[in-house]
């Protein structure tokens, strides 16, 4: 084999990296609901105004 099959090398290496990423629990991305947090803050502010 004179030339390397770069497509296969990239595929295999990316698959191994992905498996390693999942199994070791490297930095995970956590998503949150920004709209819900904003609404909760607005409601808290309104409640503070009512009690003051």
N, C-alpha and C. Protein backbone atom coordinates (compact mmCIF):
# COMPACT_ATOMS: atom_id res chain seq x y z
N UNK A 1 0.86 -1.17 0.00
CA UNK A 1 0.00 0.00 0.00
C UNK A 1 0.90 1.23 0.00
N UNK A 2 0.97 1.88 -1.13
CA UNK A 2 1.86 3.03 -1.26
C UNK A 2 1.27 4.29 -0.65
N UNK A 3 -0.01 4.46 -0.75
CA UNK A 3 -0.61 5.67 -0.19
C UNK A 3 -1.58 5.29 0.94
N UNK A 4 -1.69 6.17 1.87
CA UNK A 4 -2.59 5.93 2.99
C UNK A 4 -4.01 6.32 2.61
N UNK A 5 -4.94 5.59 3.13
CA UNK A 5 -6.35 5.94 2.93
C UNK A 5 -6.72 6.94 4.02
N UNK A 6 -6.57 8.24 3.71
CA UNK A 6 -6.76 9.30 4.70
C UNK A 6 -8.20 9.38 5.20
N UNK A 7 -9.14 9.02 4.36
CA UNK A 7 -10.54 9.04 4.79
C UNK A 7 -10.76 8.05 5.92
N UNK A 8 -10.21 6.85 5.77
CA UNK A 8 -10.37 5.84 6.80
C UNK A 8 -9.63 6.24 8.07
N UNK A 9 -8.44 6.82 7.93
CA UNK A 9 -7.66 7.23 9.10
C UNK A 9 -8.40 8.31 9.87
N UNK A 10 -8.97 9.28 9.17
CA UNK A 10 -9.72 10.35 9.83
C UNK A 10 -10.96 9.78 10.50
N UNK A 11 -11.66 8.89 9.82
CA UNK A 11 -12.87 8.30 10.39
C UNK A 11 -12.56 7.51 11.66
N UNK A 12 -11.57 6.65 11.60
CA UNK A 12 -11.23 5.81 12.75
C UNK A 12 -10.74 6.68 13.91
N UNK A 13 -9.90 7.65 13.63
CA UNK A 13 -9.38 8.48 14.72
C UNK A 13 -10.49 9.33 15.33
N UNK A 14 -11.39 9.86 14.52
CA UNK A 14 -12.48 10.67 15.08
C UNK A 14 -13.44 9.79 15.88
N UNK A 15 -13.68 8.57 15.44
CA UNK A 15 -14.54 7.66 16.18
C UNK A 15 -13.92 7.30 17.52
N UNK A 16 -12.63 7.00 17.53
CA UNK A 16 -11.95 6.69 18.79
C UNK A 16 -11.95 7.89 19.73
N UNK A 17 -11.72 9.07 19.20
CA UNK A 17 -11.74 10.27 20.02
C UNK A 17 -13.13 10.51 20.60
N UNK A 18 -14.15 10.28 19.80
CA UNK A 18 -15.52 10.46 20.27
C UNK A 18 -15.83 9.47 21.39
N UNK A 19 -15.46 8.22 21.24
CA UNK A 19 -15.68 7.23 22.28
C UNK A 19 -14.92 7.59 23.56
N UNK A 20 -13.68 8.04 23.40
CA UNK A 20 -12.89 8.45 24.55
C UNK A 20 -13.56 9.62 25.26
N UNK A 21 -14.06 10.56 24.48
CA UNK A 21 -14.73 11.74 25.03
C UNK A 21 -15.95 11.33 25.85
N UNK A 22 -16.74 10.39 25.32
CA UNK A 22 -17.95 9.97 26.01
C UNK A 22 -17.65 9.16 27.26
N UNK A 23 -16.65 8.29 27.18
CA UNK A 23 -16.37 7.39 28.30
C UNK A 23 -15.65 8.08 29.45
N UNK A 24 -14.85 9.07 29.17
CA UNK A 24 -14.09 9.73 30.24
C UNK A 24 -14.84 10.91 30.82
N UNK A 25 -15.90 11.33 30.18
CA UNK A 25 -16.69 12.45 30.70
C UNK A 25 -15.93 13.75 30.65
N UNK A 26 -15.24 13.99 29.56
CA UNK A 26 -14.54 15.26 29.39
C UNK A 26 -15.55 16.40 29.41
N UNK A 27 -15.08 17.62 29.38
CA UNK A 27 -16.01 18.75 29.58
C UNK A 27 -17.32 18.58 28.83
N UNK A 28 -18.37 18.61 29.60
CA UNK A 28 -19.69 18.44 29.02
C UNK A 28 -20.35 19.80 28.84
N UNK A 29 -21.21 19.87 27.88
CA UNK A 29 -21.93 21.10 27.63
C UNK A 29 -23.31 20.96 28.26
N UNK A 30 -23.61 21.85 29.16
CA UNK A 30 -24.91 21.84 29.81
C UNK A 30 -25.74 22.99 29.25
N UNK A 31 -26.93 22.68 28.86
CA UNK A 31 -27.82 23.69 28.32
C UNK A 31 -28.85 24.05 29.38
N UNK A 32 -29.26 25.27 29.40
CA UNK A 32 -30.28 25.68 30.33
C UNK A 32 -31.30 26.54 29.59
N UNK A 33 -32.42 26.67 30.22
CA UNK A 33 -33.52 27.40 29.61
C UNK A 33 -33.43 28.86 30.04
N UNK A 34 -32.88 29.69 29.18
CA UNK A 34 -32.66 31.10 29.51
C UNK A 34 -33.99 31.83 29.70
N UNK A 35 -34.96 31.50 28.87
CA UNK A 35 -36.26 32.17 28.97
C UNK A 35 -36.88 31.90 30.34
N UNK A 36 -36.84 30.67 30.79
CA UNK A 36 -37.43 30.32 32.09
C UNK A 36 -36.70 31.06 33.21
N UNK A 37 -35.38 31.13 33.14
CA UNK A 37 -34.63 31.85 34.16
C UNK A 37 -35.00 33.33 34.17
N UNK A 38 -35.15 33.91 33.00
CA UNK A 38 -35.50 35.33 32.90
C UNK A 38 -36.90 35.57 33.49
N UNK A 39 -37.84 34.71 33.15
CA UNK A 39 -39.20 34.86 33.65
C UNK A 39 -39.21 34.73 35.17
N UNK A 40 -38.43 33.80 35.71
CA UNK A 40 -38.37 33.63 37.16
C UNK A 40 -37.79 34.87 37.83
N UNK A 41 -36.78 35.47 37.23
CA UNK A 41 -36.19 36.68 37.80
C UNK A 41 -37.18 37.84 37.78
N UNK A 42 -37.94 37.95 36.69
CA UNK A 42 -38.95 39.02 36.59
C UNK A 42 -40.02 38.82 37.65
N UNK A 43 -40.46 37.58 37.82
CA UNK A 43 -41.49 37.30 38.83
C UNK A 43 -40.97 37.60 40.23
N UNK A 44 -39.72 37.26 40.51
CA UNK A 44 -39.13 37.55 41.82
C UNK A 44 -39.07 39.06 42.06
N UNK A 45 -38.70 39.81 41.02
CA UNK A 45 -38.64 41.27 41.14
C UNK A 45 -40.02 41.85 41.40
N UNK A 46 -41.03 41.33 40.72
CA UNK A 46 -42.40 41.81 40.93
C UNK A 46 -42.87 41.49 42.35
N UNK A 47 -42.53 40.32 42.84
CA UNK A 47 -42.91 39.94 44.20
C UNK A 47 -42.23 40.85 45.22
N UNK A 48 -40.99 41.20 44.98
CA UNK A 48 -40.27 42.10 45.90
C UNK A 48 -40.92 43.49 45.90
N UNK A 49 -41.37 43.95 44.73
CA UNK A 49 -42.02 45.26 44.65
C UNK A 49 -43.34 45.25 45.42
N UNK A 50 -44.06 44.14 45.32
CA UNK A 50 -45.36 44.05 45.99
C UNK A 50 -45.19 44.03 47.51
N UNK A 51 -44.17 43.34 47.98
CA UNK A 51 -43.99 43.22 49.43
C UNK A 51 -43.35 44.47 50.03
N UNK A 52 -42.69 45.27 49.22
CA UNK A 52 -42.01 46.45 49.76
C UNK A 52 -42.93 47.62 49.92
